[in-house]
C-alpha cells in the first residue's frame, strides 16, 4: 500500500522525491524506503486510533508538525498531494471506500500539521 501511495505521490509531485533521499528513495524496494513506508502507514493508523482521545491526538499532531518542519523542503502542499494519492490508492484497494469520510479525517489531521510548514 505504501509503495503504491508513494509512487502516486512522485508521479504527481516529482520534486517531492528529493525529500526522501535519507531513506533511499532511489531504490523504493530497499529496506530503508520500505521501512519508511511502514512508518507512514502505521503513523496514520495511530492518528486514526487517537481520534478517540483528542488530547493525545493533538499532542501527536503537534509533534508531527514539528518533525516535518525540521525537514528542509517539506511543504504544506505536499500533504494535499499525498492525501490525493491515498484517496486514489485506497479507492482501488478497498471495496465501498468512503472518499468523503477519508478526506474529512485526513484533512483534519493535516490541518493541524500544515501550519508548521512553509
Protein backbone atom coordinates (compact mmCIF):
# COMPACT_ATOMS: atom_id res chain seq x y z
CA UNK A 1 0.00 0.00 0.00
CA UNK A 2 2.72 2.46 0.97
CA UNK A 3 4.70 1.80 -2.21
CA UNK A 4 1.65 2.48 -4.34
CA UNK A 5 0.88 5.69 -2.44
CA UNK A 6 4.45 6.97 -2.76
CA UNK A 7 4.63 6.04 -6.46
CA UNK A 8 1.44 8.01 -6.98
CA UNK A 9 2.81 10.93 -4.96
CA UNK A 10 6.01 11.03 -7.02
CA UNK A 11 4.01 10.96 -10.25
CA UNK A 12 2.01 13.97 -9.07
CA UNK A 13 4.90 15.84 -7.42
CA UNK A 14 8.25 14.54 -8.75
CA UNK A 15 10.10 17.24 -6.80
CA UNK A 16 8.91 15.65 -3.54
CA UNK A 17 11.10 12.62 -4.20
CA UNK A 18 14.17 14.61 -3.12
CA UNK A 19 12.73 14.80 0.41
CA UNK A 20 13.21 11.07 0.87
CA UNK A 21 16.90 10.68 -0.05
CA UNK A 22 17.83 9.78 3.53
CA UNK A 23 15.54 6.73 3.29
CA UNK A 24 16.99 5.57 -0.05
CA UNK A 25 14.11 6.69 -2.28
CA UNK A 26 16.17 5.88 -5.37
CA UNK A 27 15.58 2.22 -4.55
CA UNK A 28 11.98 2.10 -3.41
CA UNK A 29 12.36 -1.63 -2.75
CA UNK A 30 15.21 -1.01 -0.30
CA UNK A 31 14.72 -1.89 3.36
CA UNK A 32 15.18 1.79 4.25
CA UNK A 33 12.42 3.04 2.00
CA UNK A 34 10.07 0.15 2.74
CA UNK A 35 10.56 0.82 6.46
CA UNK A 36 9.71 4.47 5.92
CA UNK A 37 6.52 3.45 4.11
CA UNK A 38 5.55 1.21 7.02
CA UNK A 39 6.18 4.09 9.45
CA UNK A 40 3.91 6.38 7.42
CA UNK A 41 1.08 3.83 7.26
CA UNK A 42 1.47 2.96 10.95
CA UNK A 43 1.57 6.65 11.85
CA UNK A 44 -1.67 7.24 10.02
CA UNK A 45 -3.22 4.22 11.73
CA UNK A 46 -2.12 5.64 15.10
CA UNK A 47 -3.71 9.01 14.32
CA UNK A 48 -6.99 7.35 13.40
CA UNK A 49 -6.97 5.40 16.65
CA UNK A 50 -6.05 8.52 18.65
CA UNK A 51 -9.16 10.26 17.32
CA UNK A 52 -10.92 8.76 20.33
CA UNK A 53 -8.52 10.61 22.65
CA UNK A 54 -8.45 14.22 21.39
CA UNK A 55 -5.78 15.45 23.82
CA UNK A 56 -3.36 12.70 22.81
CA UNK A 57 -4.20 13.21 19.14
CA UNK A 58 -3.48 16.94 19.43
CA UNK A 59 -0.10 16.27 21.06
CA UNK A 60 0.80 13.81 18.31
CA UNK A 61 -0.21 16.26 15.57
CA UNK A 62 1.93 18.99 17.16
CA UNK A 63 4.82 16.51 17.28
CA UNK A 64 4.33 15.57 13.63
CA UNK A 65 4.18 19.22 12.62
CA UNK A 66 7.50 19.91 14.35
CA UNK A 67 9.03 16.72 12.97
CA UNK A 68 8.13 17.64 9.40
CA UNK A 69 9.06 21.32 9.84
CA UNK A 70 12.58 20.22 10.81
CA UNK A 71 13.00 18.60 7.37
CA UNK A 72 14.21 21.04 4.73
CA UNK A 73 11.89 21.35 1.77
CA UNK A 74 8.74 19.85 3.28
CA UNK A 75 5.82 21.98 2.14
CA UNK A 76 2.25 22.06 3.37
CA UNK A 77 1.07 21.49 -0.20
CA UNK A 78 2.73 18.06 -0.24
CA UNK A 79 0.24 16.90 2.38
CA UNK A 80 -2.56 17.78 -0.04
CA UNK A 81 -0.88 15.79 -2.80
CA UNK A 82 -0.23 12.70 -0.67
CA UNK A 83 -3.83 12.96 0.54
CA UNK A 84 -4.94 12.70 -3.09
CA UNK A 85 -2.59 9.74 -3.55
CA UNK A 86 -4.10 7.95 -0.56
CA UNK A 87 -7.60 8.54 -1.94
CA UNK A 88 -6.69 7.11 -5.34
CA UNK A 89 -4.88 4.05 -3.97
CA UNK A 90 -7.31 3.26 -1.16
CA UNK A 91 -10.18 3.71 -3.59
CA UNK A 92 -8.69 0.96 -5.74
CA UNK A 93 -7.94 -1.36 -2.83
CA UNK A 94 -10.98 -1.05 -0.56
CA UNK A 95 -14.46 -2.03 -1.68
CA UNK A 96 -17.02 0.65 -0.83
CA UNK A 97 -14.27 3.14 0.07
CA UNK A 98 -15.82 6.29 1.54
CA UNK A 99 -13.83 9.07 -0.09
CA UNK A 100 -15.63 11.84 1.80
CA UNK A 101 -15.09 10.28 5.22
CA UNK A 102 -11.44 9.62 4.44
CA UNK A 103 -10.93 13.17 3.18
CA UNK A 104 -12.51 14.72 6.28
CA UNK A 105 -10.35 12.58 8.53
CA UNK A 106 -7.07 13.04 6.64
CA UNK A 107 -7.64 16.76 6.05
CA UNK A 108 -8.50 17.23 9.72
CA UNK A 109 -5.15 15.72 10.67
CA UNK A 110 -3.13 17.65 8.13
CA UNK A 111 -4.87 20.92 9.01
CA UNK A 112 -3.10 20.63 12.35
CA UNK A 113 0.29 19.73 10.81
CA UNK A 114 0.47 22.11 7.84
CA UNK A 115 0.67 25.43 9.76
CA UNK A 116 4.14 24.39 10.95
CA UNK A 117 5.36 24.16 7.36
CA UNK A 118 6.25 26.59 4.58
